Amino acid sequence: MLKRFERALVAVNRWLLIGLLLGMASIVFINVVLRYTTGDSLVWAEEVARHMMIWCTFLGAGLVLRFGGHVAIDALQKTVPHRL
């Protein structure tokens, strides 16, 4: 039961991250196109994209930690004896 809940939570987290990244890229792309074609941009686009990036960072950090994808410095672990 708990394993199934965990898998569902990870799946929802992945799809949420995918949606946030697609939304952020779309907002920034549309804002750039509008700025160069009309000379005017969306007032709210930069702030929304920034908050979406912050949410992607925090949600993605947990997902990467789950699968062991963070960068690790293992020099200390290699120099310390195994028993310690």
C-alpha atoms as a PDB file:
ATOM      1  CA  MET A   1       0.000   0.000   0.000  1.00  0.00           C
ATOM      2  CA  LEU A   2       2.728   2.460   0.986  1.00  0.00           C
ATOM      3  CA  LYS A   3       4.902   1.432  -1.974  1.00  0.00           C
ATOM      4  CA  ARG A   4       2.034   2.157  -4.366  1.00  0.00           C
ATOM      5  CA  PHE A   5       1.487   5.576  -2.763  1.00  0.00           C
ATOM      6  CA  GLU A   6       5.183   6.358  -3.113  1.00  0.00           C
ATOM      7  CA  ARG A   7       5.208   5.400  -6.798  1.00  0.00           C
ATOM      8  CA  ALA A   8       2.139   7.563  -7.407  1.00  0.00           C
ATOM      9  CA  LEU A   9       3.734  10.497  -5.587  1.00  0.00           C
ATOM     10  CA  VAL A  10       6.933  10.197  -7.636  1.00  0.00           C
ATOM     11  CA  ALA A  11       4.902  10.009 -10.850  1.00  0.00           C
ATOM     12  CA  VAL A  12       2.881  13.097  -9.930  1.00  0.00           C
ATOM     13  CA  ASN A  13       6.114  14.911  -9.057  1.00  0.00           C
ATOM     14  CA  ARG A  14       7.622  14.027 -12.434  1.00  0.00           C
ATOM     15  CA  TRP A  15       4.593  15.181 -14.392  1.00  0.00           C
ATOM     16  CA  LEU A  16       4.396  18.360 -12.351  1.00  0.00           C
ATOM     17  CA  LEU A  17       8.041  19.089 -13.121  1.00  0.00           C
ATOM     18  CA  ILE A  18       7.492  18.411 -16.816  1.00  0.00           C
ATOM     19  CA  GLY A  19       4.506  20.758 -16.826  1.00  0.00           C
ATOM     20  CA  LEU A  20       6.374  23.474 -14.955  1.00  0.00           C
ATOM     21  CA  LEU A  21       9.350  23.280 -17.315  1.00  0.00           C
ATOM     22  CA  LEU A  22       7.158  23.364 -20.411  1.00  0.00           C
ATOM     23  CA  GLY A  23       5.146  26.254 -19.017  1.00  0.00           C
ATOM     24  CA  MET A  24       8.235  28.223 -18.061  1.00  0.00           C
ATOM     25  CA  ALA A  25       9.866  27.690 -21.460  1.00  0.00           C
ATOM     26  CA  SER A  26       6.658  28.667 -23.240  1.00  0.00           C
ATOM     27  CA  ILE A  27       6.180  31.843 -21.213  1.00  0.00           C
ATOM     28  CA  VAL A  28       9.770  32.959 -21.765  1.00  0.00           C
ATOM     29  CA  PHE A  29       9.635  32.116 -25.493  1.00  0.00           C
ATOM     30  CA  ILE A  30       6.340  33.969 -25.996  1.00  0.00           C
ATOM     31  CA  ASN A  31       7.673  36.955 -24.066  1.00  0.00           C
ATOM     32  CA  VAL A  32      10.818  37.117 -26.216  1.00  0.00           C
ATOM     33  CA  VAL A  33       8.813  36.822 -29.437  1.00  0.00           C
ATOM     34  CA  LEU A  34       6.414  39.554 -28.315  1.00  0.00           C
ATOM     35  CA  ARG A  35       9.259  41.812 -27.264  1.00  0.00           C
ATOM     36  CA  TYR A  36      10.986  41.588 -30.649  1.00  0.00           C
ATOM     37  CA  THR A  37       7.882  41.651 -32.855  1.00  0.00           C
ATOM     38  CA  THR A  38       5.718  44.227 -31.090  1.00  0.00           C
ATOM     39  CA  GLY A  39       8.232  46.024 -28.880  1.00  0.00           C
ATOM     40  CA  ASP A  40       6.053  45.238 -25.867  1.00  0.00           C
ATOM     41  CA  SER A  41       6.280  42.333 -23.450  1.00  0.00           C
ATOM     42  CA  LEU A  42       4.075  40.635 -20.894  1.00  0.00           C
ATOM     43  CA  VAL A  43       4.390  42.409 -17.569  1.00  0.00           C
ATOM     44  CA  TRP A  44       3.948  39.271 -15.468  1.00  0.00           C
ATOM     45  CA  ALA A  45       6.054  36.842 -17.520  1.00  0.00           C
ATOM     46  CA  GLU A  46       9.404  37.324 -15.791  1.00  0.00           C
ATOM     47  CA  GLU A  47       8.022  36.965 -12.278  1.00  0.00           C
ATOM     48  CA  VAL A  48       5.929  33.895 -13.125  1.00  0.00           C
ATOM     49  CA  ALA A  49       8.885  32.245 -14.878  1.00  0.00           C
ATOM     50  CA  ARG A  50      11.095  32.959 -11.864  1.00  0.00           C
ATOM     51  CA  HIS A  51       8.633  31.378  -9.443  1.00  0.00           C
ATOM     52  CA  MET A  52       8.205  28.386 -11.738  1.00  0.00           C
ATOM     53  CA  MET A  53      11.983  27.938 -11.762  1.00  0.00           C
ATOM     54  CA  ILE A  54      12.087  28.062  -7.962  1.00  0.00           C
ATOM     55  CA  TRP A  55       9.382  25.395  -7.730  1.00  0.00           C
ATOM     56  CA  CYS A  56      11.217  23.271 -10.300  1.00  0.00           C
ATOM     57  CA  THR A  57      14.387  23.532  -8.240  1.00  0.00           C
ATOM     58  CA  PHE A  58      12.789  22.386  -5.004  1.00  0.00           C
ATOM     59  CA  LEU A  59      10.582  19.680  -6.516  1.00  0.00           C
ATOM     60  CA  GLY A  60      13.394  18.448  -8.746  1.00  0.00           C
ATOM     61  CA  ALA A  61      15.905  18.299  -5.892  1.00  0.00           C
ATOM     62  CA  GLY A  62      13.752  15.798  -4.056  1.00  0.00           C
ATOM     63  CA  LEU A  63      13.281  13.696  -7.175  1.00  0.00           C
ATOM     64  CA  VAL A  64      16.996  13.696  -7.970  1.00  0.00           C
ATOM     65  CA  LEU A  65      17.796  12.773  -4.374  1.00  0.00           C
ATOM     66  CA  ARG A  66      15.371   9.852  -4.665  1.00  0.00           C
ATOM     67  CA  PHE A  67      17.278   8.412  -7.627  1.00  0.00           C
ATOM     68  CA  GLY A  68      20.796   9.334  -6.417  1.00  0.00           C
ATOM     69  CA  GLY A  69      21.595  11.877  -9.099  1.00  0.00           C
ATOM     70  CA  HIS A  70      23.153  14.622  -6.980  1.00  0.00           C
ATOM     71  CA  VAL A  71      26.833  15.375  -7.385  1.00  0.00           C
ATOM     72  CA  ALA A  72      28.838  13.818  -4.567  1.00  0.00           C
ATOM     73  CA  ILE A  73      32.370  14.432  -3.380  1.00  0.00           C
ATOM     74  CA  ASP A  74      33.681  11.092  -2.193  1.00  0.00           C
ATOM     75  CA  ALA A  75      37.333  11.945  -1.522  1.00  0.00           C
ATOM     76  CA  LEU A  76      36.782  11.890   2.249  1.00  0.00           C
ATOM     77  CA  GLN A  77      34.955   8.562   2.070  1.00  0.00           C
ATOM     78  CA  LYS A  78      37.800   7.005   0.092  1.00  0.00           C
ATOM     79  CA  THR A  79      40.514   8.187   2.501  1.00  0.00           C
ATOM     80  CA  VAL A  80      38.809   7.143   5.753  1.00  0.00           C
ATOM     81  CA  PRO A  81      39.167   3.454   6.659  1.00  0.00           C
ATOM     82  CA  HIS A  82      36.108   1.291   5.941  1.00  0.00           C
ATOM     83  CA  ARG A  83      35.417   0.415   9.600  1.00  0.00           C
ATOM     84  CA  LEU A  84      35.304   4.059  10.658  1.00  0.00           C
END
